[in-house]
Amino acid sequence: MTVSKETGDVLKRLAESMLIEEAASLGELSLTAGFKQGRIPNRLREAAGGEEAILMAGDDLRLYQEVVARLAAEKELEHITPKDVDTELWDFVCDLFVNKKEYQSSDALSDAIRNFLKKVVKPWQDYEVMAVIENLKLKVQELPVVGVRITRLTKEKADDWGLADAPAFKDNFPDVIDKHVAVAEERAGSSNRAAERAVNKIDDALDALRTAVAGSILVARIDEQLLFARGTFLAVRDMRTKRVVSLQWHRPFRPVEFEIGSETLDPATQYLSSINALIESGTPVKLVNLFYRAMHWIGRSLTRESLDDKIVDLCTAMETLLCTRSDRLKGEAIAIRYMLLSTATEGGFTNPFELLRLYALRSKIIHGSDIRVCSRRDYDHLRWIATTVLRQYATFVRDTGVRSYGKFIAALETHDDLANTICWLVSRGVRPDSPLIASALAGLKRIHGRYTRHVPFATAGTKVSSSGAGNAIVRPCSAER
């Protein structure tokens, strides 16, 4: 097995660039677009003339980063982490750069690339994954469901599967015997990756079983009868050796007792004060109810197990606070109004492009084009944005005294603030004909009835100062009204 032709071609271009690059002084490098500095491996220090590090920037860095991303996405490298891929690739390019005379011939370079790939590539293996299923009993020996076998794990089956030879099983999972389990076969580069894929396959099979029962039996069943799910126990065995290679305990998504102490209570009380101030300030019921609906969606996201479901709920909360029925580009409208609201209440905003990316994940999920696309990092980031926007909404409505949602939008989308936002976006490389700019222009059109005379595309005079990684504070620009 080897990597794809596209990845191989990019790797070859990077290797060739290392052979023609000459060392440059720090002053000759353009570092404005970023750089990477790494240590030269000890084995190459003598050949490097005692130099300890290499600094990479510009086109070489962009090519290097592309190779890392492509290699990390290759199936034959899934047994190692992206960080490990980066480490191995850095060792390889240092060797090429330091010993470039040895690799000038095409044969020598091809051999070096082949040896590098041989070092990092690992063929896939066949695994079998077993997961216990809670709250399910079958009156048949085995039930096949979309590529997964559901059966009762008798002691004989456990011994045949190899569990008796795994000491950790007897010590930690004795209660698994006689429960029902789901078994799935997977090909993967490592037992952990096999487990990850099999878990998804087993969850899909349980969804299929629930759907089949709900759709085929006329007798009414309560949904609580269909809440069978994967339990905490998971085992992986190598199909070639028939030996158990991994026993895992997966913490279920269940309540964990939470003790609120002063370190939690103080910031929570401060957050609650903004909520109480909104409710006690005589704010119209419609605006308060809108706040409660958004809070409902945020609260629901915290109780959901699936990361996809969490992202969808948080996006619904953002739509509740920052979208109107007339908004054609909802994700872009949320991003623009998030920038405006955050600037109005706190003087700056975090990266709106990340918010757009997260909303795009929501669209993939609810429109059926993909599932399991959200990561824990995605959820944590969007949860922070949504809870921040909720607090900012309460502060803005209270401080401005707006009496309706239409007045809230009007107070948020002033000409100057929209013009400044457009200036900032254009200065960051956003095209004037992009959907994001179009959403901001729609706000200007609501103000003026048209927007041809009010488009501040000239970026000269745009004043933007940065405040920490990802934060930007927008200052007035010189766009003409």
Protein backbone atom coordinates (compact mmCIF):
# COMPACT_ATOMS: atom_id res chain seq x y z
CA MET A 1 0.00 0.00 0.00
CA THR A 2 1.10 3.56 -0.63
CA VAL A 3 -0.34 7.07 -0.61
CA SER A 4 -2.52 8.58 -3.34
CA LYS A 5 -0.91 9.97 -6.49
CA GLU A 6 -1.96 13.52 -5.53
CA THR A 7 -0.24 13.26 -2.14
CA GLY A 8 2.82 11.67 -3.72
CA ASP A 9 3.09 14.50 -6.27
CA VAL A 10 2.91 17.21 -3.58
CA LEU A 11 5.47 15.36 -1.47
CA LYS A 12 7.82 15.17 -4.46
CA ARG A 13 7.45 18.93 -5.10
CA LEU A 14 8.33 19.65 -1.47
CA ALA A 15 11.34 17.34 -1.65
CA GLU A 16 12.56 18.98 -4.86
CA SER A 17 12.18 22.45 -3.35
CA MET A 18 14.41 21.41 -0.43
CA LEU A 19 17.17 20.50 -2.87
CA ILE A 20 17.23 23.90 -4.58
CA GLU A 21 16.75 26.05 -1.48
CA GLU A 22 19.75 27.86 -0.08
CA ALA A 23 20.09 29.13 3.45
CA ALA A 24 18.95 32.75 3.81
CA SER A 25 19.52 35.29 6.52
CA LEU A 26 16.58 36.07 8.80
CA GLY A 27 16.27 39.54 7.28
CA GLU A 28 15.76 38.07 3.81
CA LEU A 29 12.72 36.05 4.85
CA SER A 30 9.16 37.36 4.73
CA LEU A 31 7.51 36.18 7.94
CA THR A 32 4.27 38.16 7.69
CA ALA A 33 2.34 35.09 6.48
CA GLY A 34 3.73 32.87 9.23
CA PHE A 35 6.72 30.62 9.69
CA LYS A 36 7.78 27.31 11.19
CA GLN A 37 10.95 26.87 13.20
CA GLY A 38 12.10 23.40 14.16
CA ARG A 39 15.17 21.72 15.54
CA ILE A 40 17.54 19.86 13.26
CA PRO A 41 17.70 16.19 14.39
CA ASN A 42 20.85 15.36 16.35
CA ARG A 43 22.01 12.87 13.73
CA LEU A 44 22.20 15.71 11.15
CA ARG A 45 23.86 18.37 13.31
CA GLU A 46 27.41 17.65 12.14
CA ALA A 47 26.43 17.74 8.46
CA ALA A 48 24.55 20.98 9.17
CA GLY A 49 27.74 22.64 10.36
CA GLY A 50 26.59 22.79 13.95
CA GLU A 51 23.35 24.64 13.17
CA GLU A 52 20.57 23.69 15.57
CA ALA A 53 17.37 24.80 13.83
CA ILE A 54 15.75 25.55 10.49
CA LEU A 55 13.18 28.29 9.91
CA MET A 56 10.74 27.77 7.05
CA ALA A 57 8.47 30.46 5.56
CA GLY A 58 6.72 31.55 2.36
CA ASP A 59 5.97 29.05 -0.42
CA ASP A 60 8.05 26.33 1.22
CA LEU A 61 5.95 26.57 4.38
CA ARG A 62 2.67 26.49 2.46
CA LEU A 63 3.85 23.42 0.54
CA TYR A 64 5.02 21.75 3.76
CA GLN A 65 1.68 22.38 5.46
CA GLU A 66 -0.18 20.96 2.47
CA VAL A 67 1.91 17.80 2.61
CA VAL A 68 1.25 17.39 6.36
CA ALA A 69 -2.51 17.80 5.80
CA ARG A 70 -2.56 15.37 2.88
CA LEU A 71 -0.49 12.73 4.65
CA ALA A 72 -2.61 13.00 7.81
CA ALA A 73 -5.71 12.37 5.68
CA GLU A 74 -4.29 9.25 4.02
CA LYS A 75 -5.84 6.00 5.20
CA GLU A 76 -2.49 4.22 5.35
CA LEU A 77 -1.21 6.75 7.91
CA GLU A 78 -4.16 6.68 10.27
CA HIS A 79 -2.17 4.65 12.79
CA ILE A 80 -0.23 7.80 13.73
CA THR A 81 -1.42 11.26 14.76
CA PRO A 82 -1.07 14.42 12.62
CA LYS A 83 1.55 15.57 15.13
CA ASP A 84 3.56 12.40 14.48
CA VAL A 85 3.21 12.98 10.73
CA ASP A 86 4.58 16.50 11.21
CA THR A 87 7.54 15.17 13.23
CA GLU A 88 8.46 12.52 10.65
CA LEU A 89 8.09 14.93 7.72
CA TRP A 90 10.24 17.55 9.44
CA ASP A 91 12.98 14.96 9.97
CA PHE A 92 12.74 14.08 6.27
CA VAL A 93 12.97 17.66 4.94
CA CYS A 94 15.86 18.43 7.30
CA ASP A 95 17.73 15.45 5.86
CA LEU A 96 17.04 16.65 2.31
CA PHE A 97 18.08 20.22 3.06
CA VAL A 98 21.24 19.36 4.97
CA ASN A 99 22.39 16.54 2.69
CA LYS A 100 21.08 17.90 -0.60
CA LYS A 101 24.21 16.86 -2.52
CA GLU A 102 23.39 13.21 -1.84
CA TYR A 103 19.94 13.49 -3.41
CA GLN A 104 20.61 15.42 -6.61
CA SER A 105 19.96 12.45 -8.91
CA SER A 106 16.34 11.57 -9.56
CA ASP A 107 16.95 7.96 -8.50
CA ALA A 108 18.41 9.01 -5.15
CA LEU A 109 15.52 11.39 -4.49
CA SER A 110 12.95 8.75 -5.47
CA ASP A 111 14.60 6.25 -3.12
CA ALA A 112 14.54 8.82 -0.29
CA ILE A 113 10.82 9.49 -0.80
CA ARG A 114 10.11 5.76 -1.01
CA ASN A 115 12.00 5.08 2.21
CA PHE A 116 10.18 7.92 3.98
CA LEU A 117 6.79 6.55 2.96
CA LYS A 118 7.84 3.03 3.92
CA LYS A 119 8.65 4.38 7.37
CA VAL A 120 5.28 6.05 7.94
CA VAL A 121 2.85 3.92 5.92
CA LYS A 122 1.24 0.88 7.51
CA PRO A 123 -1.11 -1.53 5.67
CA TRP A 124 -4.62 -1.92 7.06
CA GLN A 125 -5.55 -4.93 9.15
CA ASP A 126 -8.84 -6.73 9.76
CA TYR A 127 -10.38 -6.25 13.20
CA GLU A 128 -13.55 -7.34 14.94
CA VAL A 129 -15.14 -5.00 17.48
CA MET A 130 -17.61 -5.97 20.18
CA ALA A 131 -19.77 -3.51 22.15
CA VAL A 132 -22.26 -4.33 24.89
CA ILE A 133 -25.85 -3.19 24.28
CA GLU A 134 -27.87 -2.00 27.26
CA ASN A 135 -31.65 -2.45 27.66
CA LEU A 136 -32.08 -4.93 24.82
CA LYS A 137 -33.04 -8.61 24.96
CA LEU A 138 -33.38 -10.91 21.95
CA LYS A 139 -35.34 -14.16 21.84
CA VAL A 140 -33.29 -15.35 18.87
CA GLN A 141 -29.70 -16.58 18.76
CA GLU A 142 -28.44 -13.80 16.52
CA LEU A 143 -29.90 -10.82 14.69
CA PRO A 144 -28.02 -9.37 11.67
CA VAL A 145 -28.67 -5.64 11.20
CA VAL A 146 -27.00 -3.70 8.35
CA GLY A 147 -23.61 -5.39 8.64
CA VAL A 148 -23.65 -5.80 12.44
CA ARG A 149 -24.41 -8.98 14.39
CA ILE A 150 -26.38 -8.67 17.64
CA THR A 151 -26.17 -11.70 19.92
CA ARG A 152 -26.08 -12.75 23.58
CA LEU A 153 -22.54 -13.06 24.95
CA THR A 154 -22.51 -16.41 26.68
CA LYS A 155 -19.45 -17.61 28.57
CA GLU A 156 -18.69 -20.01 25.72
CA LYS A 157 -18.81 -17.20 23.16
CA ALA A 158 -16.61 -15.01 25.36
CA ASP A 159 -14.03 -17.79 25.60
CA ASP A 160 -14.20 -18.44 21.86
CA TRP A 161 -13.72 -14.72 21.17
CA GLY A 162 -10.54 -14.70 23.28
CA LEU A 163 -11.84 -12.66 26.20
CA ALA A 164 -10.85 -15.38 28.69
CA ASP A 165 -7.20 -14.78 27.79
CA ALA A 166 -7.44 -11.04 28.60
CA PRO A 167 -6.85 -10.62 32.38
CA ALA A 168 -8.33 -7.11 32.36
CA PHE A 169 -11.65 -8.58 31.21
CA LYS A 170 -12.09 -10.81 34.25
CA ASP A 171 -11.03 -8.06 36.62
CA ASN A 172 -13.09 -5.19 35.19
CA PHE A 173 -15.96 -6.53 33.07
CA PRO A 174 -17.38 -9.70 34.70
CA ASP A 175 -20.97 -8.41 34.40
CA VAL A 176 -20.80 -8.37 30.59
CA ILE A 177 -21.40 -12.13 30.37
CA ASP A 178 -24.98 -12.97 29.32
CA LYS A 179 -25.65 -9.46 28.09
CA HIS A 180 -26.39 -8.73 24.45
CA VAL A 181 -23.54 -7.40 22.33
CA ALA A 182 -23.13 -6.01 18.86
CA VAL A 183 -20.20 -7.24 16.77
CA ALA A 184 -18.84 -5.43 13.71
CA GLU A 185 -15.89 -6.14 11.42
CA GLU A 186 -13.61 -3.29 10.36
CA ARG A 187 -10.43 -2.74 8.34
CA ALA A 188 -8.18 -0.05 9.76
CA GLY A 189 -4.61 1.04 10.39
CA SER A 190 -4.91 0.63 14.15
CA SER A 191 -7.18 -0.94 16.75
CA ASN A 192 -8.29 2.51 17.95
CA ARG A 193 -9.35 3.58 14.46
CA ALA A 194 -11.15 0.25 14.02
CA ALA A 195 -13.02 0.91 17.27
CA GLU A 196 -13.98 4.43 16.17
CA ARG A 197 -15.45 3.21 12.88
CA ALA A 198 -17.15 0.21 14.43
CA VAL A 199 -18.85 2.38 17.07
CA ASN A 200 -20.43 4.44 14.28
CA LYS A 201 -21.46 1.30 12.44
CA ILE A 202 -23.02 -0.17 15.59
CA ASP A 203 -24.87 3.07 16.34
CA ASP A 204 -26.21 3.04 12.77
CA ALA A 205 -27.39 -0.55 13.25
CA LEU A 206 -29.24 0.38 16.44
CA ASP A 207 -30.86 3.30 14.62
CA ALA A 208 -31.91 0.88 11.87
CA LEU A 209 -33.39 -1.53 14.42
CA ARG A 210 -35.35 1.25 16.14
CA THR A 211 -36.66 2.48 12.80
CA ALA A 212 -37.64 -1.05 11.71
CA VAL A 213 -39.56 -1.67 14.94
CA ALA A 214 -41.28 1.72 14.83
CA GLY A 215 -42.17 1.41 11.16
CA SER A 216 -43.33 -2.19 10.98
CA ILE A 217 -45.30 -2.91 14.16
CA LEU A 218 -48.83 -1.54 14.22
CA VAL A 219 -49.18 -1.94 17.98
CA ALA A 220 -48.27 1.37 19.60
CA ARG A 221 -44.92 1.34 21.36
CA ILE A 222 -43.65 4.00 23.67
CA ASP A 223 -40.33 5.56 22.66
CA GLU A 224 -38.85 4.60 26.02
CA GLN A 225 -38.86 0.98 24.81
CA LEU A 226 -36.51 1.92 21.97
CA LEU A 227 -33.83 3.57 24.09
CA PHE A 228 -31.46 0.60 23.92
CA ALA A 229 -27.93 1.85 23.31
CA ARG A 230 -24.25 1.01 23.43
CA GLY A 231 -22.97 0.44 26.94
CA THR A 232 -19.57 1.13 28.44
CA PHE A 233 -17.71 -2.03 27.38
CA LEU A 234 -15.83 -2.30 24.07
CA ALA A 235 -13.38 -4.99 22.91
CA VAL A 236 -11.26 -5.21 19.76
CA ARG A 237 -9.56 -8.32 18.43
CA ASP A 238 -7.15 -8.90 15.57
CA MET A 239 -8.87 -11.15 13.04
CA ARG A 240 -5.54 -12.60 11.87
CA THR A 241 -4.26 -13.70 15.28
CA LYS A 242 -7.71 -14.06 16.93
CA ARG A 243 -6.30 -12.25 19.98
CA VAL A 244 -7.96 -9.41 21.88
CA VAL A 245 -5.79 -6.32 21.32
CA SER A 246 -7.84 -3.73 23.17
CA LEU A 247 -10.35 -3.58 26.01
CA GLN A 248 -11.97 -0.18 26.48
CA TRP A 249 -14.39 1.43 28.89
CA HIS A 250 -16.40 4.27 27.37
CA ARG A 251 -17.91 6.65 29.89
CA PRO A 252 -21.61 6.90 29.11
CA PHE A 253 -23.35 10.24 28.66
CA ARG A 254 -24.99 10.21 32.06
CA PRO A 255 -25.43 12.81 34.81
CA VAL A 256 -22.36 13.43 36.96
CA GLU A 257 -22.91 15.14 40.30
CA PHE A 258 -21.77 18.75 40.13
CA GLU A 259 -20.83 20.64 43.24
CA ILE A 260 -20.95 24.41 42.73
CA GLY A 261 -18.25 26.15 44.74
CA SER A 262 -17.11 29.76 44.87
CA GLU A 263 -14.76 29.37 41.88
CA THR A 264 -17.82 28.46 39.76
CA LEU A 265 -20.45 30.44 41.61
CA ASP A 266 -18.76 33.86 41.25
CA PRO A 267 -18.60 33.96 37.40
CA ALA A 268 -21.98 32.23 37.13
CA THR A 269 -23.56 34.83 39.41
CA GLN A 270 -22.06 37.60 37.30
CA TYR A 271 -23.51 36.02 34.16
CA LEU A 272 -26.91 35.60 35.82
CA SER A 273 -26.92 39.28 36.80
CA SER A 274 -27.20 40.29 33.14
CA ILE A 275 -30.15 37.91 32.74
CA ASN A 276 -31.88 39.21 35.85
CA ALA A 277 -31.31 42.81 34.77
CA LEU A 278 -33.05 42.13 31.45
CA ILE A 279 -36.05 40.50 33.10
CA GLU A 280 -36.39 43.13 35.83
CA SER A 281 -35.94 46.18 33.60
CA GLY A 282 -39.46 46.19 32.15
CA THR A 283 -38.34 44.77 28.81
CA PRO A 284 -41.32 43.87 26.56
CA VAL A 285 -42.51 40.30 26.95
CA LYS A 286 -41.76 39.41 23.29
CA LEU A 287 -38.08 40.30 23.68
CA VAL A 288 -37.85 38.42 26.97
CA ASN A 289 -39.56 35.36 25.46
CA LEU A 290 -37.11 35.44 22.55
CA PHE A 291 -34.29 35.42 25.12
CA TYR A 292 -35.86 32.42 26.89
CA ARG A 293 -36.23 30.52 23.60
CA ALA A 294 -32.56 31.02 22.81
CA MET A 295 -31.64 29.96 26.33
CA HIS A 296 -33.79 26.85 25.87
CA TRP A 297 -31.79 25.80 22.79
CA ILE A 298 -28.46 26.42 24.51
CA GLY A 299 -29.61 24.44 27.55
CA ARG A 300 -30.83 21.61 25.34
CA SER A 301 -27.47 21.44 23.55
CA LEU A 302 -25.79 20.80 26.90
CA THR A 303 -27.95 17.73 27.50
CA ARG A 304 -27.52 16.17 24.06
CA GLU A 305 -25.02 13.36 23.51
CA SER A 306 -24.31 13.75 19.80
CA LEU A 307 -21.92 16.56 18.86
CA ASP A 308 -23.91 17.09 15.65
CA ASP A 309 -27.10 17.61 17.69
CA LYS A 310 -25.28 20.03 20.00
CA ILE A 311 -24.10 22.15 17.05
CA VAL A 312 -27.59 22.22 15.49
CA ASP A 313 -29.17 23.34 18.78
CA LEU A 314 -26.58 26.08 19.31
CA CYS A 315 -27.09 27.36 15.76
CA THR A 316 -30.84 27.44 16.41
CA ALA A 317 -30.15 29.58 19.49
CA MET A 318 -28.07 31.97 17.34
CA GLU A 319 -30.85 32.10 14.74
CA THR A 320 -33.38 32.91 17.47
CA LEU A 321 -31.38 35.94 18.59
CA LEU A 322 -29.83 37.22 15.37
CA CYS A 323 -32.03 36.20 12.40
CA THR A 324 -35.16 37.63 10.84
CA ARG A 325 -37.61 35.78 8.60
CA SER A 326 -36.53 37.89 5.64
CA ASP A 327 -32.85 36.94 5.91
CA ARG A 328 -31.95 34.94 2.83
CA LEU A 329 -28.39 34.19 3.95
CA LYS A 330 -28.91 33.13 7.53
CA GLY A 331 -25.35 32.09 8.34
CA GLU A 332 -23.96 35.32 6.93
CA ALA A 333 -26.60 37.40 8.72
CA ILE A 334 -25.67 35.74 12.02
CA ALA A 335 -21.96 36.43 11.43
CA ILE A 336 -22.54 40.12 10.58
CA ARG A 337 -24.86 40.76 13.52
CA TYR A 338 -22.55 38.87 15.86
CA MET A 339 -19.76 41.26 14.84
CA LEU A 340 -22.05 44.28 15.36
CA LEU A 341 -23.45 43.09 18.70
CA SER A 342 -20.06 42.12 20.10
CA THR A 343 -18.54 45.43 19.02
CA ALA A 344 -21.46 47.41 20.48
CA THR A 345 -21.31 45.71 23.88
CA GLU A 346 -17.64 44.79 24.30
CA GLY A 347 -15.68 46.81 21.73
CA GLY A 348 -14.54 43.91 19.53
CA PHE A 349 -15.29 40.45 18.21
CA THR A 350 -13.64 37.10 17.62
CA ASN A 351 -13.14 35.47 14.23
CA PRO A 352 -16.47 35.63 12.32
CA PHE A 353 -15.18 33.25 9.63
CA GLU A 354 -15.01 30.44 12.20
CA LEU A 355 -18.66 31.11 13.07
CA LEU A 356 -19.55 30.83 9.38
CA ARG A 357 -17.70 27.51 9.15
CA LEU A 358 -19.59 26.14 12.14
CA TYR A 359 -22.93 27.25 10.70
CA ALA A 360 -22.01 25.49 7.46
CA LEU A 361 -21.62 22.26 9.46
CA ARG A 362 -25.15 22.76 10.77
CA SER A 363 -26.42 23.10 7.20
CA LYS A 364 -24.71 19.85 6.18
CA ILE A 365 -26.39 18.03 9.06
CA ILE A 366 -29.96 19.30 8.81
CA HIS A 367 -30.09 19.11 5.00
CA GLY A 368 -28.94 15.50 5.09
CA SER A 369 -25.66 15.82 3.21
CA ASP A 370 -23.50 14.48 6.05
CA ILE A 371 -23.46 13.22 9.63
CA ARG A 372 -20.83 13.02 12.39
CA VAL A 373 -19.04 16.06 11.01
CA CYS A 374 -18.62 18.02 14.26
CA SER A 375 -15.70 17.75 16.66
CA ARG A 376 -15.52 18.49 20.37
CA ARG A 377 -13.49 21.60 19.53
CA ASP A 378 -16.29 22.78 17.19
CA TYR A 379 -18.86 22.35 19.94
CA ASP A 380 -16.78 24.03 22.66
CA HIS A 381 -16.11 27.04 20.43
CA LEU A 382 -19.72 27.49 19.31
CA ARG A 383 -20.99 27.04 22.87
CA TRP A 384 -18.72 29.89 23.97
CA ILE A 385 -19.99 32.11 21.12
CA ALA A 386 -23.66 31.30 21.78
CA THR A 387 -23.48 31.92 25.53
CA THR A 388 -21.57 35.14 24.87
CA VAL A 389 -24.16 36.35 22.36
CA LEU A 390 -26.98 35.54 24.81
CA ARG A 391 -25.35 37.71 27.47
CA GLN A 392 -24.59 40.47 24.96
CA TYR A 393 -28.19 40.45 23.73
CA ALA A 394 -29.43 40.94 27.31
CA THR A 395 -27.00 43.81 27.85
CA PHE A 396 -27.79 45.53 24.53
CA VAL A 397 -31.57 45.31 24.89
CA ARG A 398 -31.42 46.59 28.47
CA ASP A 399 -29.00 49.46 27.72
CA THR A 400 -30.67 50.68 24.51
CA GLY A 401 -34.24 50.28 25.79
CA VAL A 402 -35.50 48.92 22.44
CA ARG A 403 -39.13 47.85 22.58
CA SER A 404 -39.39 45.37 19.70
CA TYR A 405 -37.21 42.95 17.74
CA GLY A 406 -37.37 45.20 14.68
CA LYS A 407 -36.04 48.08 16.79
CA PHE A 408 -33.31 45.78 18.11
CA ILE A 409 -32.12 45.03 14.57
CA ALA A 410 -32.36 48.71 13.60
CA ALA A 411 -30.31 49.77 16.63
CA LEU A 412 -27.72 47.13 15.81
CA GLU A 413 -27.43 47.80 12.08
CA THR A 414 -26.55 51.49 11.87
CA HIS A 415 -25.01 52.88 8.69
CA ASP A 416 -21.64 53.61 10.27
CA ASP A 417 -21.34 50.24 11.98
CA LEU A 418 -22.29 48.32 8.84
CA ALA A 419 -19.85 50.44 6.79
CA ASN A 420 -17.06 49.74 9.28
CA THR A 421 -17.86 46.04 9.21
CA ILE A 422 -17.69 45.96 5.41
CA CYS A 423 -14.38 47.84 5.51
CA TRP A 424 -12.96 45.31 7.93
CA LEU A 425 -14.12 42.34 5.87
CA VAL A 426 -12.72 43.74 2.62
CA SER A 427 -9.42 44.54 4.35
CA ARG A 428 -9.27 40.86 5.34
CA GLY A 429 -9.56 39.73 1.72
CA VAL A 430 -13.33 39.09 1.54
CA ARG A 431 -14.50 39.67 -2.03
CA PRO A 432 -17.01 42.51 -2.56
CA ASP A 433 -19.36 40.08 -4.33
CA SER A 434 -19.25 37.50 -1.51
CA PRO A 435 -22.39 36.37 0.39
CA LEU A 436 -20.95 37.83 3.60
CA ILE A 437 -20.67 41.32 2.08
CA ALA A 438 -24.10 40.87 0.48
CA SER A 439 -25.60 40.27 3.91
CA ALA A 440 -24.07 43.49 5.26
CA LEU A 441 -25.29 45.39 2.19
CA ALA A 442 -28.80 44.06 2.81
CA GLY A 443 -28.65 45.89 6.13
CA LEU A 444 -27.70 49.13 4.37
CA LYS A 445 -30.55 48.61 1.94
CA ARG A 446 -32.99 48.33 4.84
CA ILE A 447 -31.73 51.70 6.07
CA HIS A 448 -31.61 53.59 2.77
CA GLY A 449 -33.89 51.67 0.43
CA ARG A 450 -30.94 51.10 -1.93
CA TYR A 451 -27.24 50.55 -1.48
CA THR A 452 -25.40 51.66 -4.60
CA ARG A 453 -24.45 55.05 -3.08
CA HIS A 454 -23.49 53.63 0.25
CA VAL A 455 -21.03 50.82 -0.57
CA PRO A 456 -17.77 51.52 1.33
CA PHE A 457 -15.54 49.22 -0.72
CA ALA A 458 -12.58 51.60 -0.62
CA THR A 459 -10.33 50.17 2.05
CA ALA A 460 -8.06 53.19 2.31
CA GLY A 461 -8.58 54.71 5.71
CA THR A 462 -9.83 51.51 7.30
CA LYS A 463 -8.56 51.43 10.86
CA VAL A 464 -8.35 48.04 12.50
CA SER A 465 -6.40 47.19 15.63
CA SER A 466 -5.89 43.67 16.93
CA SER A 467 -6.45 42.56 20.48
CA GLY A 468 -5.10 39.08 21.05
CA ALA A 469 -5.27 36.06 18.77
CA GLY A 470 -8.42 36.11 16.69
CA ASN A 471 -9.78 39.32 18.20
CA ALA A 472 -10.26 42.52 16.23
CA ILE A 473 -11.59 45.88 17.32
CA VAL A 474 -13.25 47.80 14.50
CA ARG A 475 -12.63 51.56 14.32
CA PRO A 476 -14.42 54.03 11.99
CA CYS A 477 -13.21 54.03 8.39
CA SER A 478 -13.31 56.91 5.93
CA ALA A 479 -15.92 55.48 3.57
CA GLU A 480 -18.18 58.21 2.24
CA ARG A 481 -21.86 58.17 2.96
